[in-house]
Every structure is written in C-alpha cells, then in structure tokens.
Protein backbone atom coordinates (compact mmCIF):
# COMPACT_ATOMS: atom_id res chain seq x y z
CA UNK A 1 5.12 -19.64 -69.08
CA UNK A 2 2.12 -19.17 -66.77
CA UNK A 3 2.46 -17.00 -63.67
CA UNK A 4 0.02 -16.98 -60.79
CA UNK A 5 -1.06 -13.42 -59.95
CA UNK A 6 -0.35 -11.90 -56.54
CA UNK A 7 -2.49 -13.41 -53.85
CA UNK A 8 -1.87 -16.92 -55.13
CA UNK A 9 -5.08 -17.25 -57.17
CA UNK A 10 -5.14 -17.85 -60.88
CA UNK A 11 -7.35 -15.65 -63.02
CA UNK A 12 -9.62 -18.59 -63.88
CA UNK A 13 -9.94 -19.43 -60.18
CA UNK A 14 -10.98 -15.86 -59.37
CA UNK A 15 -13.47 -15.80 -62.25
CA UNK A 16 -14.93 -19.07 -61.02
CA UNK A 17 -15.29 -17.70 -57.48
CA UNK A 18 -16.96 -14.51 -58.72
CA UNK A 19 -19.26 -16.50 -60.98
CA UNK A 20 -20.18 -18.85 -58.13
CA UNK A 21 -20.96 -15.91 -55.83
CA UNK A 22 -23.12 -14.28 -58.48
CA UNK A 23 -24.99 -17.56 -59.03
CA UNK A 24 -25.61 -17.92 -55.29
CA UNK A 25 -27.04 -14.38 -55.11
CA UNK A 26 -29.22 -15.07 -58.14
CA UNK A 27 -30.37 -18.39 -56.65
CA UNK A 28 -31.27 -16.67 -53.36
CA UNK A 29 -33.20 -13.98 -55.21
CA UNK A 30 -35.02 -16.56 -57.31
CA UNK A 31 -35.78 -18.66 -54.23
CA UNK A 32 -37.29 -15.67 -52.44
CA UNK A 33 -39.54 -14.78 -55.35
CA UNK A 34 -40.59 -18.38 -56.00
CA UNK A 35 -41.36 -19.15 -52.38
CA UNK A 36 -43.45 -16.02 -51.95
CA UNK A 37 -46.29 -17.70 -53.81
CA UNK A 38 -49.98 -16.90 -53.90
CA UNK A 39 -50.57 -19.33 -51.03
CA UNK A 40 -47.88 -17.69 -48.90
CA UNK A 41 -49.02 -14.17 -49.73
CA UNK A 42 -52.52 -15.09 -48.56
CA UNK A 43 -51.17 -15.42 -45.01
CA UNK A 44 -47.89 -13.49 -44.76
CA UNK A 45 -47.41 -9.92 -45.94
CA UNK A 46 -44.45 -9.15 -48.18
CA UNK A 47 -43.14 -6.83 -45.45
CA UNK A 48 -43.15 -9.68 -42.91
CA UNK A 49 -41.70 -12.05 -45.51
CA UNK A 50 -38.77 -9.72 -46.16
CA UNK A 51 -37.71 -9.88 -42.48
CA UNK A 52 -37.21 -13.66 -42.55
CA UNK A 53 -33.98 -15.51 -43.28
CA UNK A 54 -33.72 -17.57 -46.45
CA UNK A 55 -34.06 -20.81 -44.51
CA UNK A 56 -36.99 -19.38 -42.55
CA UNK A 57 -38.69 -18.45 -45.82
CA UNK A 58 -38.21 -21.95 -47.22
CA UNK A 59 -39.53 -23.58 -44.05
CA UNK A 60 -42.55 -21.30 -43.82
CA UNK A 61 -43.36 -21.63 -47.52
CA UNK A 62 -43.15 -25.42 -47.28
CA UNK A 63 -45.37 -25.44 -44.21
CA UNK A 64 -48.02 -23.24 -45.83
CA UNK A 65 -47.89 -25.04 -49.18
CA UNK A 66 -48.25 -28.47 -47.56
CA UNK A 67 -51.03 -27.31 -45.22
CA UNK A 68 -53.06 -25.08 -47.53
CA UNK A 69 -55.79 -27.67 -48.14
CA UNK A 70 -55.91 -28.96 -44.56
CA UNK A 71 -55.33 -25.88 -42.39
CA UNK A 72 -54.13 -27.96 -39.43
CA UNK A 73 -51.10 -25.70 -38.90
CA UNK A 74 -52.79 -22.39 -39.69
CA UNK A 75 -52.29 -21.34 -36.06
CA UNK A 76 -48.56 -21.22 -36.84
CA UNK A 77 -48.67 -19.02 -39.93
CA UNK A 78 -52.05 -17.28 -39.89
CA UNK A 79 -52.88 -13.87 -38.41
CA UNK A 80 -49.36 -12.54 -38.03
CA UNK A 81 -49.05 -9.00 -36.64
CA UNK A 82 -48.05 -6.29 -39.08
CA UNK A 83 -44.38 -5.88 -39.96
CA UNK A 84 -42.50 -4.04 -37.27
CA UNK A 85 -44.45 -5.82 -34.53
CA UNK A 86 -42.88 -8.90 -32.90
CA UNK A 87 -40.48 -9.33 -35.84
CA UNK A 88 -37.91 -11.16 -33.71
CA UNK A 89 -40.57 -13.68 -32.66
CA UNK A 90 -41.55 -14.26 -36.30
CA UNK A 91 -37.92 -14.89 -37.19
CA UNK A 92 -37.49 -17.26 -34.24
CA UNK A 93 -40.66 -19.12 -35.17
CA UNK A 94 -39.58 -19.73 -38.76
CA UNK A 95 -36.13 -20.84 -37.62
CA UNK A 96 -37.77 -23.29 -35.20
CA UNK A 97 -39.97 -24.63 -38.00
CA UNK A 98 -36.86 -25.13 -40.12
CA UNK A 99 -35.05 -26.90 -37.27
CA UNK A 100 -38.07 -29.15 -36.69
CA UNK A 101 -38.16 -30.09 -40.38
CA UNK A 102 -34.44 -30.89 -40.28
CA UNK A 103 -34.92 -33.05 -37.19
CA UNK A 104 -37.64 -35.03 -38.98
CA UNK A 105 -35.39 -35.49 -42.00
CA UNK A 106 -32.55 -36.75 -39.79
CA UNK A 107 -34.86 -39.25 -38.08
CA UNK A 108 -36.21 -40.56 -41.36
C-alpha cells in the first residue's frame, strides 16, 4: 500500500519539483553565459551585465545582436558608465527595452 508522506506530496512529486528547480537554475545560468556574447561584451562590461535582470539581459542582448551591423540603436547600449554608476537607470532601461519588445510582439 502506498502512503503519501507528511505535507501531502509524494516522493516522486518532490523529486520532480527539485529537478525542475535545478533545471531552471541551470537554464538561467546558461542563458546568462550565452547572451553575454562577444558582441555584447564589446559594449557592456561584465560588471554592468551582472546587475541586470534575466529579462533585461535577454532584451539587451537581442537589441545589440540585431543592431551590431547597423548601429542605429547604439545610443541605447553604447558608452555605459562603469558599474556602480547609474545602475538603477541601466536596469530600468533594459526593462523598458524588454517591455517595448513585448508590446511589438503583442501587436504583431
């Protein structure tokens, strides 16, 4: 006869939750390292990069990667102050870029 452990979760359910959490952490770590590409590192220091949220990193990386040959949006991502200077503004900017991308996706 099978008994559910205290807390109401089966052992397999708990293992699945732990596994899922570990995969999410690994995915986030992989995403951070992948998105901090040579193109991104040409414009944004690793110290500045590390201050950004995951979604801000994705938005900024996509912006830089899609603009690298044109440079039309370089005013958005070029010449950032050193880490520790205006960090909150950098975070806000990347969140706004992400929101703008999402708005475009919704419209399309």
